[in-house]
Amino acid sequence: MSGDHHSVQAQHSAAHALLPLSLCLSQMTGVLGWEDVPAEFRYDPDHPLLVMIHFAPEDAPPVTWHVGRDLLHEGLRTTSGLGDVQVWADTPADLETAWLQINAPGGTAVFRLPVPELAEWLDRTYLHVPAGTESSRLGTDAFLSKLFDEPEASSR
């Protein structure tokens, strides 16, 4: 019986580790303006390189962005990202705040991130899919093998 109990506990812990994280982010709306934007962070082990961020602003349609998990994690402590998404720590001494900037054709959005909550959640994703093991979940080898073994399949 105790063996079953540990199995149930392990399943519960794994499921708990992957629960979405709901945060209220502050979005910069001007030089001195800020607006609260509800956001939900989701992680799917079947897409282990990405974190999905679903923004649900009050007066605008919801928007979903896919952000690199490592980019987000690294940006909580230092500057990370070069393209459409950048994350950086406020200051080396401030372990409470980081910034997320998203550049899109329609403009740029800057959000203040609460580091402790987000870092703890991201750490749980790494417990479920450790850094460096993501490629084993992508099925790249099987895809390439099938692609090269069955060339006629790609012409259909």
N, C-alpha and C. Protein backbone atom coordinates (compact mmCIF):
# COMPACT_ATOMS: atom_id res chain seq x y z
N MET A 1 0.82 -1.21 0.00
CA MET A 1 0.00 0.00 0.00
C MET A 1 0.86 1.25 0.00
N SER A 2 1.94 1.25 0.77
CA SER A 2 2.77 2.45 0.80
C SER A 2 3.40 2.74 -0.54
N GLY A 3 3.69 1.70 -1.35
CA GLY A 3 4.22 1.92 -2.70
C GLY A 3 3.23 2.68 -3.55
N ASP A 4 1.94 2.35 -3.45
CA ASP A 4 0.92 3.07 -4.20
C ASP A 4 0.83 4.52 -3.74
N HIS A 5 0.98 4.75 -2.46
CA HIS A 5 0.89 6.10 -1.92
C HIS A 5 2.00 6.98 -2.49
N HIS A 6 3.22 6.45 -2.57
CA HIS A 6 4.32 7.24 -3.13
C HIS A 6 4.09 7.54 -4.60
N SER A 7 3.50 6.60 -5.32
CA SER A 7 3.22 6.81 -6.74
C SER A 7 2.19 7.93 -6.91
N VAL A 8 1.16 7.90 -6.09
CA VAL A 8 0.14 8.94 -6.16
C VAL A 8 0.75 10.29 -5.82
N GLN A 9 1.62 10.32 -4.79
CA GLN A 9 2.26 11.57 -4.40
C GLN A 9 3.14 12.10 -5.52
N ALA A 10 3.89 11.22 -6.18
CA ALA A 10 4.76 11.65 -7.28
C ALA A 10 3.94 12.20 -8.44
N GLN A 11 2.81 11.55 -8.77
CA GLN A 11 1.96 12.04 -9.84
C GLN A 11 1.38 13.40 -9.48
N HIS A 12 0.96 13.55 -8.22
CA HIS A 12 0.40 14.82 -7.77
C HIS A 12 1.46 15.93 -7.85
N SER A 13 2.68 15.62 -7.42
CA SER A 13 3.75 16.62 -7.46
C SER A 13 4.08 17.03 -8.88
N ALA A 14 4.14 16.06 -9.80
CA ALA A 14 4.43 16.38 -11.20
C ALA A 14 3.35 17.25 -11.80
N ALA A 15 2.09 16.93 -11.51
CA ALA A 15 0.98 17.73 -12.05
C ALA A 15 1.02 19.13 -11.44
N HIS A 16 1.31 19.21 -10.15
CA HIS A 16 1.36 20.51 -9.48
C HIS A 16 2.47 21.39 -10.06
N ALA A 17 3.59 20.78 -10.42
CA ALA A 17 4.73 21.54 -10.92
C ALA A 17 4.41 22.23 -12.25
N LEU A 18 3.43 21.72 -12.97
CA LEU A 18 3.15 22.26 -14.29
C LEU A 18 1.89 23.12 -14.33
N LEU A 19 1.34 23.45 -13.19
CA LEU A 19 0.18 24.33 -13.18
C LEU A 19 0.56 25.68 -13.77
N PRO A 20 -0.37 26.31 -14.47
CA PRO A 20 -0.06 27.64 -15.00
C PRO A 20 0.17 28.63 -13.86
N LEU A 21 0.91 29.67 -14.15
CA LEU A 21 1.16 30.73 -13.19
C LEU A 21 0.38 31.96 -13.63
N SER A 22 -0.51 32.43 -12.77
CA SER A 22 -1.27 33.65 -13.06
C SER A 22 -0.65 34.81 -12.30
N LEU A 23 -0.33 35.86 -13.03
CA LEU A 23 0.25 37.06 -12.44
C LEU A 23 -0.46 38.29 -12.98
N CYS A 24 -0.42 39.35 -12.22
CA CYS A 24 -0.87 40.64 -12.71
C CYS A 24 0.39 41.44 -12.98
N LEU A 25 0.68 41.64 -14.27
CA LEU A 25 1.88 42.38 -14.67
C LEU A 25 1.54 43.85 -14.82
N SER A 26 2.52 44.70 -14.59
CA SER A 26 2.36 46.13 -14.82
C SER A 26 2.93 46.44 -16.19
N GLN A 27 2.10 47.05 -17.05
CA GLN A 27 2.54 47.43 -18.39
C GLN A 27 2.76 48.94 -18.42
N MET A 28 3.91 49.32 -18.96
CA MET A 28 4.21 50.74 -19.12
C MET A 28 3.33 51.28 -20.25
N THR A 29 2.58 52.34 -19.95
CA THR A 29 1.68 52.90 -20.96
C THR A 29 2.10 54.30 -21.39
N GLY A 30 3.15 54.79 -20.85
CA GLY A 30 3.66 56.12 -21.19
C GLY A 30 4.80 56.45 -20.26
N VAL A 31 5.20 57.68 -20.27
CA VAL A 31 6.33 58.09 -19.45
C VAL A 31 6.07 57.81 -17.97
N LEU A 32 4.89 58.13 -17.50
CA LEU A 32 4.56 57.91 -16.09
C LEU A 32 3.36 56.99 -15.90
N GLY A 33 2.89 56.37 -16.98
CA GLY A 33 1.68 55.56 -16.88
C GLY A 33 1.94 54.07 -16.76
N TRP A 34 1.10 53.43 -15.97
CA TRP A 34 1.17 51.98 -15.78
C TRP A 34 -0.24 51.43 -15.81
N GLU A 35 -0.38 50.23 -16.34
CA GLU A 35 -1.67 49.56 -16.38
C GLU A 35 -1.47 48.10 -15.98
N ASP A 36 -2.34 47.60 -15.12
CA ASP A 36 -2.28 46.20 -14.72
C ASP A 36 -2.83 45.33 -15.83
N VAL A 37 -2.10 44.27 -16.16
CA VAL A 37 -2.52 43.34 -17.21
C VAL A 37 -2.43 41.92 -16.65
N PRO A 38 -3.57 41.23 -16.55
CA PRO A 38 -3.52 39.83 -16.13
C PRO A 38 -2.77 39.00 -17.18
N ALA A 39 -1.90 38.12 -16.70
CA ALA A 39 -1.14 37.26 -17.61
C ALA A 39 -1.06 35.86 -17.01
N GLU A 40 -1.11 34.89 -17.90
CA GLU A 40 -0.98 33.49 -17.47
C GLU A 40 0.21 32.88 -18.20
N PHE A 41 1.12 32.30 -17.43
CA PHE A 41 2.30 31.63 -17.96
C PHE A 41 2.02 30.13 -17.96
N ARG A 42 2.21 29.48 -19.12
CA ARG A 42 1.98 28.04 -19.24
C ARG A 42 3.22 27.37 -19.80
N TYR A 43 3.43 26.13 -19.35
CA TYR A 43 4.55 25.34 -19.85
C TYR A 43 4.03 23.96 -20.22
N ASP A 44 4.36 23.54 -21.43
CA ASP A 44 3.96 22.22 -21.93
C ASP A 44 5.22 21.41 -22.19
N PRO A 45 5.44 20.31 -21.45
CA PRO A 45 6.64 19.50 -21.65
C PRO A 45 6.77 18.94 -23.07
N ASP A 46 5.69 18.90 -23.83
CA ASP A 46 5.77 18.46 -25.22
C ASP A 46 6.36 19.54 -26.13
N HIS A 47 6.44 20.76 -25.64
CA HIS A 47 7.09 21.88 -26.33
C HIS A 47 8.07 22.50 -25.33
N PRO A 48 9.12 21.76 -24.98
CA PRO A 48 9.93 22.09 -23.81
C PRO A 48 10.79 23.34 -23.90
N LEU A 49 10.93 23.90 -25.07
CA LEU A 49 11.78 25.09 -25.20
C LEU A 49 11.02 26.38 -24.96
N LEU A 50 9.70 26.31 -24.88
CA LEU A 50 8.88 27.52 -24.85
C LEU A 50 8.02 27.66 -23.61
N VAL A 51 7.77 28.90 -23.25
CA VAL A 51 6.76 29.26 -22.26
C VAL A 51 5.72 30.09 -23.01
N MET A 52 4.46 29.75 -22.84
CA MET A 52 3.39 30.51 -23.45
C MET A 52 2.91 31.55 -22.43
N ILE A 53 2.85 32.80 -22.87
CA ILE A 53 2.33 33.87 -22.01
C ILE A 53 1.06 34.39 -22.65
N HIS A 54 -0.04 34.26 -21.93
CA HIS A 54 -1.34 34.72 -22.42
C HIS A 54 -1.68 36.01 -21.67
N PHE A 55 -1.68 37.12 -22.41
CA PHE A 55 -2.01 38.43 -21.84
C PHE A 55 -3.50 38.68 -22.05
N ALA A 56 -4.17 39.13 -21.00
CA ALA A 56 -5.60 39.40 -21.10
C ALA A 56 -5.89 40.82 -20.61
N PRO A 57 -5.51 41.84 -21.40
CA PRO A 57 -5.77 43.21 -20.97
C PRO A 57 -7.27 43.48 -20.90
N GLU A 58 -7.64 44.39 -20.03
CA GLU A 58 -9.06 44.67 -19.79
C GLU A 58 -9.76 45.28 -21.00
N ASP A 59 -9.09 46.21 -21.68
CA ASP A 59 -9.74 46.95 -22.76
C ASP A 59 -9.23 46.60 -24.16
N ALA A 60 -8.68 45.40 -24.31
CA ALA A 60 -8.12 44.99 -25.61
C ALA A 60 -8.28 43.48 -25.75
N PRO A 61 -8.18 42.97 -26.97
CA PRO A 61 -8.28 41.52 -27.14
C PRO A 61 -7.09 40.81 -26.52
N PRO A 62 -7.27 39.58 -26.05
CA PRO A 62 -6.16 38.83 -25.48
C PRO A 62 -5.10 38.52 -26.54
N VAL A 63 -3.87 38.38 -26.08
CA VAL A 63 -2.74 38.12 -26.96
C VAL A 63 -1.89 37.02 -26.32
N THR A 64 -1.40 36.10 -27.14
CA THR A 64 -0.53 35.03 -26.64
C THR A 64 0.82 35.13 -27.34
N TRP A 65 1.89 35.07 -26.53
CA TRP A 65 3.25 35.07 -27.05
C TRP A 65 3.96 33.81 -26.56
N HIS A 66 4.79 33.24 -27.42
CA HIS A 66 5.63 32.12 -27.03
C HIS A 66 7.04 32.65 -26.85
N VAL A 67 7.58 32.43 -25.66
CA VAL A 67 8.88 32.97 -25.29
C VAL A 67 9.79 31.80 -24.92
N GLY A 68 11.04 31.86 -25.31
CA GLY A 68 11.99 30.83 -24.95
C GLY A 68 12.12 30.71 -23.44
N ARG A 69 12.02 29.48 -22.95
CA ARG A 69 12.11 29.25 -21.50
C ARG A 69 13.46 29.72 -20.96
N ASP A 70 14.55 29.38 -21.64
CA ASP A 70 15.87 29.80 -21.19
C ASP A 70 16.04 31.31 -21.24
N LEU A 71 15.51 31.95 -22.29
CA LEU A 71 15.58 33.41 -22.41
C LEU A 71 14.89 34.07 -21.21
N LEU A 72 13.71 33.58 -20.87
CA LEU A 72 12.95 34.13 -19.75
C LEU A 72 13.69 33.91 -18.44
N HIS A 73 14.18 32.70 -18.24
CA HIS A 73 14.87 32.36 -16.99
C HIS A 73 16.14 33.19 -16.82
N GLU A 74 16.94 33.28 -17.88
CA GLU A 74 18.19 34.04 -17.82
C GLU A 74 17.92 35.53 -17.60
N GLY A 75 16.88 36.04 -18.21
CA GLY A 75 16.56 37.46 -18.11
C GLY A 75 16.14 37.92 -16.73
N LEU A 76 15.80 36.99 -15.85
CA LEU A 76 15.44 37.39 -14.49
C LEU A 76 16.66 37.82 -13.70
N ARG A 77 17.87 37.49 -14.23
CA ARG A 77 19.10 37.82 -13.52
C ARG A 77 20.06 38.71 -14.31
N THR A 78 19.91 38.71 -15.65
CA THR A 78 20.80 39.48 -16.52
C THR A 78 20.05 39.81 -17.80
N THR A 79 20.67 40.46 -18.74
CA THR A 79 20.01 40.79 -20.00
C THR A 79 19.97 39.56 -20.90
N SER A 80 18.82 39.33 -21.52
CA SER A 80 18.63 38.15 -22.36
C SER A 80 17.72 38.50 -23.53
N GLY A 81 18.06 37.98 -24.71
CA GLY A 81 17.23 38.18 -25.88
C GLY A 81 17.75 39.30 -26.77
N LEU A 82 17.63 39.07 -28.09
CA LEU A 82 18.10 40.06 -29.05
C LEU A 82 17.04 40.47 -30.05
N GLY A 83 16.00 39.68 -30.21
CA GLY A 83 15.02 39.93 -31.24
C GLY A 83 13.75 40.56 -30.73
N ASP A 84 12.63 39.90 -31.01
CA ASP A 84 11.32 40.43 -30.65
C ASP A 84 11.06 40.44 -29.15
N VAL A 85 11.76 39.59 -28.41
CA VAL A 85 11.54 39.48 -26.96
C VAL A 85 12.86 39.69 -26.24
N GLN A 86 12.82 40.57 -25.25
CA GLN A 86 13.99 40.81 -24.41
C GLN A 86 13.54 40.84 -22.96
N VAL A 87 14.38 40.30 -22.09
CA VAL A 87 14.10 40.28 -20.65
C VAL A 87 15.39 40.71 -19.96
N TRP A 88 15.26 41.56 -18.94
CA TRP A 88 16.44 41.98 -18.21
C TRP A 88 16.08 42.27 -16.77
N ALA A 89 17.07 42.08 -15.90
CA ALA A 89 16.91 42.37 -14.48
C ALA A 89 16.96 43.88 -14.29
N ASP A 90 16.24 44.37 -13.29
CA ASP A 90 16.20 45.81 -13.03
C ASP A 90 17.60 46.31 -12.69
N THR A 91 18.18 45.80 -11.64
CA THR A 91 19.56 46.10 -11.26
C THR A 91 20.12 44.84 -10.61
N PRO A 92 21.42 44.67 -10.58
CA PRO A 92 21.98 43.48 -9.92
C PRO A 92 21.57 43.36 -8.45
N ALA A 93 21.34 44.49 -7.81
CA ALA A 93 20.96 44.47 -6.39
C ALA A 93 19.48 44.18 -6.19
N ASP A 94 18.65 44.42 -7.22
CA ASP A 94 17.20 44.23 -7.11
C ASP A 94 16.82 42.85 -7.62
N LEU A 95 16.54 41.96 -6.69
CA LEU A 95 16.15 40.60 -7.06
C LEU A 95 14.64 40.45 -7.12
N GLU A 96 13.93 41.55 -7.07
CA GLU A 96 12.47 41.53 -7.05
C GLU A 96 11.83 41.83 -8.39
N THR A 97 12.53 42.58 -9.25
CA THR A 97 11.91 43.08 -10.47
C THR A 97 12.77 42.78 -11.69
N ALA A 98 12.10 42.39 -12.77
CA ALA A 98 12.74 42.27 -14.09
C ALA A 98 11.77 42.88 -15.09
N TRP A 99 12.23 43.02 -16.31
CA TRP A 99 11.45 43.67 -17.36
C TRP A 99 11.33 42.75 -18.56
N LEU A 100 10.17 42.75 -19.18
CA LEU A 100 9.90 42.01 -20.41
C LEU A 100 9.50 43.02 -21.46
N GLN A 101 10.21 43.02 -22.58
CA GLN A 101 9.87 43.90 -23.70
C GLN A 101 9.54 43.03 -24.90
N ILE A 102 8.38 43.29 -25.49
CA ILE A 102 7.94 42.57 -26.68
C ILE A 102 7.81 43.58 -27.81
N ASN A 103 8.51 43.31 -28.89
CA ASN A 103 8.47 44.18 -30.07
C ASN A 103 7.65 43.48 -31.14
N ALA A 104 6.59 44.13 -31.58
CA ALA A 104 5.70 43.59 -32.61
C ALA A 104 5.51 44.64 -33.68
N PRO A 105 5.00 44.23 -34.85
CA PRO A 105 4.77 45.22 -35.92
C PRO A 105 3.90 46.40 -35.48
N GLY A 106 2.98 46.16 -34.53
CA GLY A 106 2.10 47.22 -34.07
C GLY A 106 2.68 48.10 -32.99
N GLY A 107 3.87 47.79 -32.50
CA GLY A 107 4.47 48.60 -31.45
C GLY A 107 5.25 47.76 -30.46
N THR A 108 5.62 48.40 -29.38
CA THR A 108 6.42 47.76 -28.34
C THR A 108 5.65 47.80 -27.03
N ALA A 109 5.71 46.69 -26.30
CA ALA A 109 5.08 46.62 -24.98
C ALA A 109 6.16 46.28 -23.96
N VAL A 110 6.14 46.99 -22.83
CA VAL A 110 7.10 46.76 -21.75
C VAL A 110 6.31 46.43 -20.49
N PHE A 111 6.70 45.31 -19.85
CA PHE A 111 6.03 44.83 -18.65
C PHE A 111 7.03 44.68 -17.51
N ARG A 112 6.58 44.98 -16.31
CA ARG A 112 7.37 44.73 -15.10
C ARG A 112 7.00 43.33 -14.60
N LEU A 113 8.04 42.49 -14.38
CA LEU A 113 7.83 41.11 -13.94
C LEU A 113 8.21 40.95 -12.47
N PRO A 114 7.39 40.24 -11.70
CA PRO A 114 7.77 39.94 -10.32
C PRO A 114 8.69 38.72 -10.30
N VAL A 115 9.97 38.94 -10.02
CA VAL A 115 10.98 37.89 -10.13
C VAL A 115 10.74 36.71 -9.20
N PRO A 116 10.47 36.89 -7.91
CA PRO A 116 10.38 35.70 -7.04
C PRO A 116 9.34 34.67 -7.50
N GLU A 117 8.14 35.12 -7.84
CA GLU A 117 7.08 34.19 -8.25
C GLU A 117 7.42 33.51 -9.58
N LEU A 118 7.90 34.30 -10.53
CA LEU A 118 8.21 33.76 -11.85
C LEU A 118 9.42 32.83 -11.79
N ALA A 119 10.43 33.18 -11.02
CA ALA A 119 11.63 32.33 -10.90
C ALA A 119 11.27 30.99 -10.26
N GLU A 120 10.44 31.02 -9.24
CA GLU A 120 10.04 29.77 -8.58
C GLU A 120 9.27 28.88 -9.55
N TRP A 121 8.36 29.45 -10.32
CA TRP A 121 7.59 28.68 -11.30
C TRP A 121 8.51 28.11 -12.38
N LEU A 122 9.42 28.93 -12.91
CA LEU A 122 10.35 28.46 -13.93
C LEU A 122 11.23 27.34 -13.39
N ASP A 123 11.68 27.46 -12.14
CA ASP A 123 12.49 26.40 -11.54
C ASP A 123 11.73 25.07 -11.53
N ARG A 124 10.42 25.13 -11.29
CA ARG A 124 9.62 23.89 -11.31
C ARG A 124 9.56 23.30 -12.72
N THR A 125 9.56 24.14 -13.77
CA THR A 125 9.56 23.59 -15.13
C THR A 125 10.86 22.85 -15.39
N TYR A 126 11.97 23.36 -14.84
CA TYR A 126 13.27 22.70 -15.02
C TYR A 126 13.35 21.40 -14.23
N LEU A 127 12.60 21.29 -13.15
CA LEU A 127 12.53 20.01 -12.44
C LEU A 127 11.83 18.97 -13.29
N HIS A 128 10.82 19.40 -14.02
CA HIS A 128 10.07 18.47 -14.86
C HIS A 128 10.82 18.12 -16.15
N VAL A 129 11.42 19.11 -16.79
CA VAL A 129 12.23 18.91 -18.00
C VAL A 129 13.55 19.64 -17.77
N PRO A 130 14.58 18.93 -17.30
CA PRO A 130 15.85 19.58 -16.99
C PRO A 130 16.48 20.24 -18.21
N ALA A 131 17.22 21.30 -17.95
CA ALA A 131 17.95 21.99 -19.01
C ALA A 131 18.89 21.00 -19.69
N GLY A 132 18.95 21.06 -21.00
CA GLY A 132 19.80 20.17 -21.77
C GLY A 132 19.12 18.89 -22.24
N THR A 133 17.92 18.62 -21.71
CA THR A 133 17.21 17.40 -22.11
C THR A 133 16.03 17.70 -23.04
N GLU A 134 15.84 18.96 -23.37
CA GLU A 134 14.67 19.34 -24.16
C GLU A 134 14.64 18.65 -25.52
N SER A 135 15.79 18.50 -26.16
CA SER A 135 15.82 17.94 -27.52
C SER A 135 15.34 16.49 -27.54
N SER A 136 15.48 15.78 -26.43
CA SER A 136 15.00 14.39 -26.40
C SER A 136 13.48 14.32 -26.47
N ARG A 137 12.80 15.42 -26.18
CA ARG A 137 11.34 15.45 -26.24
C ARG A 137 10.82 15.97 -27.57
N LEU A 138 11.70 16.52 -28.38
CA LEU A 138 11.26 17.14 -29.64
C LEU A 138 11.03 16.14 -30.75
N GLY A 139 11.63 14.96 -30.68
CA GLY A 139 11.45 13.97 -31.73
C GLY A 139 12.16 14.34 -33.01
N THR A 140 13.19 15.16 -32.93
CA THR A 140 13.91 15.60 -34.13
C THR A 140 14.56 14.43 -34.85
N ASP A 141 15.18 13.52 -34.11
CA ASP A 141 15.85 12.38 -34.74
C ASP A 141 14.86 11.51 -35.50
N ALA A 142 13.71 11.25 -34.90
CA ALA A 142 12.69 10.44 -35.59
C ALA A 142 12.18 11.14 -36.84
N PHE A 143 11.98 12.44 -36.74
CA PHE A 143 11.52 13.21 -37.89
C PHE A 143 12.52 13.14 -39.03
N LEU A 144 13.80 13.40 -38.72
CA LEU A 144 14.84 13.37 -39.75
C LEU A 144 15.00 11.97 -40.34
N SER A 145 14.92 10.97 -39.50
CA SER A 145 15.03 9.59 -39.98
C SER A 145 13.91 9.28 -40.95
N LYS A 146 12.71 9.66 -40.59
CA LYS A 146 11.56 9.41 -41.46
C LYS A 146 11.69 10.21 -42.75
N LEU A 147 12.15 11.43 -42.65
CA LEU A 147 12.30 12.29 -43.81
C LEU A 147 13.28 11.68 -44.81
N PHE A 148 14.40 11.17 -44.32
CA PHE A 148 15.42 10.64 -45.22
C PHE A 148 15.14 9.20 -45.64
N ASP A 149 14.39 8.45 -44.83
CA ASP A 149 14.07 7.07 -45.18
C ASP A 149 12.90 6.98 -46.14
N GLU A 150 12.02 7.96 -46.13
CA GLU A 150 10.80 7.93 -46.95
C GLU A 150 10.68 9.22 -47.77
N PRO A 151 11.52 9.42 -48.77
CA PRO A 151 11.48 10.69 -49.53
C PRO A 151 10.14 10.90 -50.23
N GLU A 152 9.45 9.82 -50.58
CA GLU A 152 8.18 10.01 -51.27
C GLU A 152 7.12 10.61 -50.36
N ALA A 153 7.27 10.47 -49.05
CA ALA A 153 6.28 11.03 -48.12
C ALA A 153 6.30 12.55 -48.18
N SER A 154 7.44 13.17 -48.46
CA SER A 154 7.51 14.63 -48.48
C SER A 154 6.90 15.22 -49.75
N SER A 155 6.69 14.39 -50.79
CA SER A 155 6.13 14.93 -52.03
C SER A 155 4.62 14.77 -52.13
N ARG A 156 4.02 14.19 -51.12
CA ARG A 156 2.57 14.01 -51.14
C ARG A 156 1.82 15.25 -50.82
